[in-house]
């Protein structure tokens, strides 16, 4: 079995330092990374909790928008989901879904010519998708609101 390292990072402050408007509607933005010891391959789980379903839908629209190459999953996860299996030139694969105010993604990365830690085609059955319908991703939710308690996807 290959040795690996694990790290958890809060991405909200890093994104805010580049452009504060990026995190305007984000309550939390965390990632958990599983990396091989040599750093050649990784699997990253990212969760973003927005202050409204509309903000989450808008973000998902950016991720799966026209030209992204993302395909709808045959068996939807949450409110909307998509994937792409690249596994080329160091870029791995990604699965992303929106559930309420949350956007969750899992992606792989690896050096050129190296097999990924996992292949989406093994995880989806059947591994067939169709182009994402951008119109169905548009925000229809009310303006952002502040929550008292925290909910999880």
C-alpha atoms as a PDB file:
ATOM      1  CA  UNK A   1       0.000   0.000   0.000  1.00  0.00           C
ATOM      2  CA  UNK A   2       1.256   3.427  -0.949  1.00  0.00           C
ATOM      3  CA  UNK A   3       1.991   5.858   1.896  1.00  0.00           C
ATOM      4  CA  UNK A   4       0.104   9.134   1.945  1.00  0.00           C
ATOM      5  CA  UNK A   5      -0.348  12.362   3.869  1.00  0.00           C
ATOM      6  CA  UNK A   6      -3.590  14.076   4.809  1.00  0.00           C
ATOM      7  CA  UNK A   7      -4.232  17.766   5.357  1.00  0.00           C
ATOM      8  CA  UNK A   8      -7.269  19.902   6.099  1.00  0.00           C
ATOM      9  CA  UNK A   9      -7.305  23.570   5.093  1.00  0.00           C
ATOM     10  CA  UNK A  10      -9.664  26.490   5.453  1.00  0.00           C
ATOM     11  CA  UNK A  11      -9.746  28.085   2.013  1.00  0.00           C
ATOM     12  CA  UNK A  12     -11.953  31.068   2.852  1.00  0.00           C
ATOM     13  CA  UNK A  13      -9.169  33.314   4.183  1.00  0.00           C
ATOM     14  CA  UNK A  14      -6.869  32.436   1.265  1.00  0.00           C
ATOM     15  CA  UNK A  15      -9.592  33.291  -1.277  1.00  0.00           C
ATOM     16  CA  UNK A  16     -10.437  36.514   0.594  1.00  0.00           C
ATOM     17  CA  UNK A  17      -6.808  37.645   0.462  1.00  0.00           C
ATOM     18  CA  UNK A  18      -6.901  37.440  -3.360  1.00  0.00           C
ATOM     19  CA  UNK A  19     -10.344  38.978  -3.894  1.00  0.00           C
ATOM     20  CA  UNK A  20     -12.750  39.556  -0.967  1.00  0.00           C
ATOM     21  CA  UNK A  21     -15.749  39.502  -3.333  1.00  0.00           C
ATOM     22  CA  UNK A  22     -15.050  35.778  -3.923  1.00  0.00           C
ATOM     23  CA  UNK A  23     -16.134  34.948  -0.378  1.00  0.00           C
ATOM     24  CA  UNK A  24     -18.911  37.513   0.030  1.00  0.00           C
ATOM     25  CA  UNK A  25     -21.625  34.819   0.220  1.00  0.00           C
ATOM     26  CA  UNK A  26     -19.521  32.005   1.732  1.00  0.00           C
ATOM     27  CA  UNK A  27     -19.985  30.903   5.335  1.00  0.00           C
ATOM     28  CA  UNK A  28     -17.260  28.232   5.199  1.00  0.00           C
ATOM     29  CA  UNK A  29     -14.865  26.860   2.562  1.00  0.00           C
ATOM     30  CA  UNK A  30     -12.822  23.811   3.593  1.00  0.00           C
ATOM     31  CA  UNK A  31     -10.750  21.197   1.817  1.00  0.00           C
ATOM     32  CA  UNK A  32      -9.388  17.823   2.870  1.00  0.00           C
ATOM     33  CA  UNK A  33      -6.494  16.550   0.783  1.00  0.00           C
ATOM     34  CA  UNK A  34      -5.102  13.030   0.580  1.00  0.00           C
ATOM     35  CA  UNK A  35      -1.693  13.126  -1.121  1.00  0.00           C
ATOM     36  CA  UNK A  36       0.770  10.350  -1.914  1.00  0.00           C
ATOM     37  CA  UNK A  37       4.003  10.715   0.007  1.00  0.00           C
ATOM     38  CA  UNK A  38       5.885  11.741  -3.143  1.00  0.00           C
ATOM     39  CA  UNK A  39       3.181  14.320  -3.988  1.00  0.00           C
ATOM     40  CA  UNK A  40       2.599  12.808  -7.439  1.00  0.00           C
ATOM     41  CA  UNK A  41      -1.099  11.995  -6.878  1.00  0.00           C
ATOM     42  CA  UNK A  42      -3.874  13.435  -4.735  1.00  0.00           C
ATOM     43  CA  UNK A  43      -7.562  13.265  -3.961  1.00  0.00           C
ATOM     44  CA  UNK A  44      -9.208  16.457  -2.634  1.00  0.00           C
ATOM     45  CA  UNK A  45     -12.631  16.827  -1.007  1.00  0.00           C
ATOM     46  CA  UNK A  46     -13.897  20.420  -0.887  1.00  0.00           C
ATOM     47  CA  UNK A  47     -17.023  21.728   0.851  1.00  0.00           C
ATOM     48  CA  UNK A  48     -18.373  25.248   0.469  1.00  0.00           C
ATOM     49  CA  UNK A  49     -21.280  26.436   2.615  1.00  0.00           C
ATOM     50  CA  UNK A  50     -22.968  29.489   1.100  1.00  0.00           C
ATOM     51  CA  UNK A  51     -25.333  31.919   2.824  1.00  0.00           C
ATOM     52  CA  UNK A  52     -28.157  31.028   0.403  1.00  0.00           C
ATOM     53  CA  UNK A  53     -29.220  28.402  -2.104  1.00  0.00           C
ATOM     54  CA  UNK A  54     -29.063  31.072  -4.806  1.00  0.00           C
ATOM     55  CA  UNK A  55     -25.383  31.785  -4.096  1.00  0.00           C
ATOM     56  CA  UNK A  56     -24.660  28.035  -4.177  1.00  0.00           C
ATOM     57  CA  UNK A  57     -26.499  27.687  -7.510  1.00  0.00           C
ATOM     58  CA  UNK A  58     -24.587  30.648  -8.947  1.00  0.00           C
ATOM     59  CA  UNK A  59     -21.262  29.089  -7.905  1.00  0.00           C
ATOM     60  CA  UNK A  60     -22.193  25.715  -9.354  1.00  0.00           C
ATOM     61  CA  UNK A  61     -23.117  27.509 -12.579  1.00  0.00           C
ATOM     62  CA  UNK A  62     -19.583  28.913 -12.769  1.00  0.00           C
ATOM     63  CA  UNK A  63     -18.041  25.479 -12.189  1.00  0.00           C
ATOM     64  CA  UNK A  64     -20.180  23.566 -14.702  1.00  0.00           C
ATOM     65  CA  UNK A  65     -20.717  26.429 -17.170  1.00  0.00           C
ATOM     66  CA  UNK A  66     -20.365  26.366 -20.909  1.00  0.00           C
ATOM     67  CA  UNK A  67     -16.931  25.222 -22.026  1.00  0.00           C
ATOM     68  CA  UNK A  68     -16.146  23.457 -18.746  1.00  0.00           C
ATOM     69  CA  UNK A  69     -16.481  19.999 -20.279  1.00  0.00           C
ATOM     70  CA  UNK A  70     -18.608  18.917 -17.330  1.00  0.00           C
ATOM     71  CA  UNK A  71     -21.314  16.273 -17.879  1.00  0.00           C
ATOM     72  CA  UNK A  72     -24.431  15.591 -15.821  1.00  0.00           C
ATOM     73  CA  UNK A  73     -24.215  12.470 -13.691  1.00  0.00           C
ATOM     74  CA  UNK A  74     -26.623   9.732 -14.821  1.00  0.00           C
ATOM     75  CA  UNK A  75     -27.789   9.324 -11.208  1.00  0.00           C
ATOM     76  CA  UNK A  76     -28.041  12.833  -9.788  1.00  0.00           C
ATOM     77  CA  UNK A  77     -26.521  13.660  -6.397  1.00  0.00           C
ATOM     78  CA  UNK A  78     -28.293  16.362  -4.381  1.00  0.00           C
ATOM     79  CA  UNK A  79     -30.097  19.145  -6.250  1.00  0.00           C
ATOM     80  CA  UNK A  80     -27.690  19.088  -9.213  1.00  0.00           C
ATOM     81  CA  UNK A  81     -24.436  17.304 -10.019  1.00  0.00           C
ATOM     82  CA  UNK A  82     -21.839  16.941 -12.744  1.00  0.00           C
ATOM     83  CA  UNK A  83     -18.533  15.263 -13.476  1.00  0.00           C
ATOM     84  CA  UNK A  84     -15.594  15.254 -15.827  1.00  0.00           C
ATOM     85  CA  UNK A  85     -12.965  12.571 -16.272  1.00  0.00           C
ATOM     86  CA  UNK A  86      -9.875  14.134 -17.832  1.00  0.00           C
ATOM     87  CA  UNK A  87      -6.902  12.122 -16.501  1.00  0.00           C
ATOM     88  CA  UNK A  88      -4.610  13.871 -18.931  1.00  0.00           C
ATOM     89  CA  UNK A  89      -1.646  16.237 -18.619  1.00  0.00           C
ATOM     90  CA  UNK A  90      -1.695  16.073 -14.832  1.00  0.00           C
ATOM     91  CA  UNK A  91      -5.362  16.961 -14.508  1.00  0.00           C
ATOM     92  CA  UNK A  92      -7.505  14.292 -12.897  1.00  0.00           C
ATOM     93  CA  UNK A  93     -11.254  13.994 -12.593  1.00  0.00           C
ATOM     94  CA  UNK A  94     -13.937  15.880 -10.689  1.00  0.00           C
ATOM     95  CA  UNK A  95     -17.399  15.191  -9.294  1.00  0.00           C
ATOM     96  CA  UNK A  96     -19.340  18.205  -8.010  1.00  0.00           C
ATOM     97  CA  UNK A  97     -22.808  18.530  -6.529  1.00  0.00           C
ATOM     98  CA  UNK A  98     -25.071  21.130  -4.937  1.00  0.00           C
ATOM     99  CA  UNK A  99     -27.332  20.296  -2.011  1.00  0.00           C
ATOM    100  CA  UNK A 100     -29.212  23.262  -0.573  1.00  0.00           C
ATOM    101  CA  UNK A 101     -26.665  25.908   0.416  1.00  0.00           C
ATOM    102  CA  UNK A 102     -23.706  23.524  -0.031  1.00  0.00           C
ATOM    103  CA  UNK A 103     -21.463  22.828  -3.016  1.00  0.00           C
ATOM    104  CA  UNK A 104     -19.253  19.759  -2.589  1.00  0.00           C
ATOM    105  CA  UNK A 105     -16.571  18.523  -4.941  1.00  0.00           C
ATOM    106  CA  UNK A 106     -14.096  15.685  -5.071  1.00  0.00           C
ATOM    107  CA  UNK A 107     -11.255  15.792  -7.564  1.00  0.00           C
ATOM    108  CA  UNK A 108      -8.068  13.943  -8.351  1.00  0.00           C
ATOM    109  CA  UNK A 109      -4.777  15.280  -9.641  1.00  0.00           C
ATOM    110  CA  UNK A 110      -1.642  13.493 -10.714  1.00  0.00           C
ATOM    111  CA  UNK A 111       1.576  14.079 -12.585  1.00  0.00           C
ATOM    112  CA  UNK A 112       1.589  13.603 -16.361  1.00  0.00           C
ATOM    113  CA  UNK A 113       1.656   9.928 -17.329  1.00  0.00           C
ATOM    114  CA  UNK A 114       0.705   8.750 -13.821  1.00  0.00           C
ATOM    115  CA  UNK A 115      -2.523   6.860 -13.097  1.00  0.00           C
ATOM    116  CA  UNK A 116      -4.973   8.684 -10.783  1.00  0.00           C
ATOM    117  CA  UNK A 117      -5.716   7.422  -7.276  1.00  0.00           C
ATOM    118  CA  UNK A 118      -9.222   6.524  -8.494  1.00  0.00           C
ATOM    119  CA  UNK A 119     -11.120   6.738 -11.757  1.00  0.00           C
ATOM    120  CA  UNK A 120     -14.608   8.208 -11.883  1.00  0.00           C
ATOM    121  CA  UNK A 121     -15.554   5.620 -14.488  1.00  0.00           C
ATOM    122  CA  UNK A 122     -15.167   2.992 -11.740  1.00  0.00           C
ATOM    123  CA  UNK A 123     -17.322   5.067  -9.376  1.00  0.00           C
ATOM    124  CA  UNK A 124     -20.242   5.892 -11.671  1.00  0.00           C
ATOM    125  CA  UNK A 125     -22.459   3.262 -13.168  1.00  0.00           C
ATOM    126  CA  UNK A 126     -22.841   3.602 -16.074  1.00  0.00           C
ATOM    127  CA  UNK A 127     -20.096   6.202 -16.723  1.00  0.00           C
ATOM    128  CA  UNK A 128     -22.275   8.061 -19.214  1.00  0.00           C
ATOM    129  CA  UNK A 129     -23.237  11.689 -18.944  1.00  0.00           C
ATOM    130  CA  UNK A 130     -24.796  14.409 -21.009  1.00  0.00           C
ATOM    131  CA  UNK A 131     -23.756  18.052 -21.276  1.00  0.00           C
ATOM    132  CA  UNK A 132     -24.886  20.153 -18.350  1.00  0.00           C
ATOM    133  CA  UNK A 133     -28.014  22.210 -19.032  1.00  0.00           C
ATOM    134  CA  UNK A 134     -26.914  25.679 -17.919  1.00  0.00           C
ATOM    135  CA  UNK A 135     -30.461  27.031 -17.851  1.00  0.00           C
ATOM    136  CA  UNK A 136     -31.398  24.599 -15.072  1.00  0.00           C
ATOM    137  CA  UNK A 137     -28.550  25.938 -12.899  1.00  0.00           C
ATOM    138  CA  UNK A 138     -29.670  29.560 -12.786  1.00  0.00           C
ATOM    139  CA  UNK A 139     -30.433  30.996  -9.385  1.00  0.00           C
ATOM    140  CA  UNK A 140     -34.102  31.205  -8.458  1.00  0.00           C
ATOM    141  CA  UNK A 141     -33.601  31.357  -4.712  1.00  0.00           C
ATOM    142  CA  UNK A 142     -34.372  34.393  -2.555  1.00  0.00           C
ATOM    143  CA  UNK A 143     -31.691  36.841  -1.441  1.00  0.00           C
ATOM    144  CA  UNK A 144     -29.050  35.651   1.064  1.00  0.00           C
ATOM    145  CA  UNK A 145     -30.107  35.224   4.658  1.00  0.00           C
ATOM    146  CA  UNK A 146     -28.233  34.623   7.862  1.00  0.00           C
ATOM    147  CA  UNK A 147     -28.735  31.283   9.587  1.00  0.00           C
ATOM    148  CA  UNK A 148     -28.822  30.722  13.296  1.00  0.00           C
ATOM    149  CA  UNK A 149     -27.834  27.072  13.238  1.00  0.00           C
ATOM    150  CA  UNK A 150     -25.595  25.105  10.887  1.00  0.00           C
ATOM    151  CA  UNK A 151     -26.857  22.409   8.578  1.00  0.00           C
ATOM    152  CA  UNK A 152     -24.741  19.810   6.819  1.00  0.00           C
ATOM    153  CA  UNK A 153     -25.200  18.302   3.364  1.00  0.00           C
END
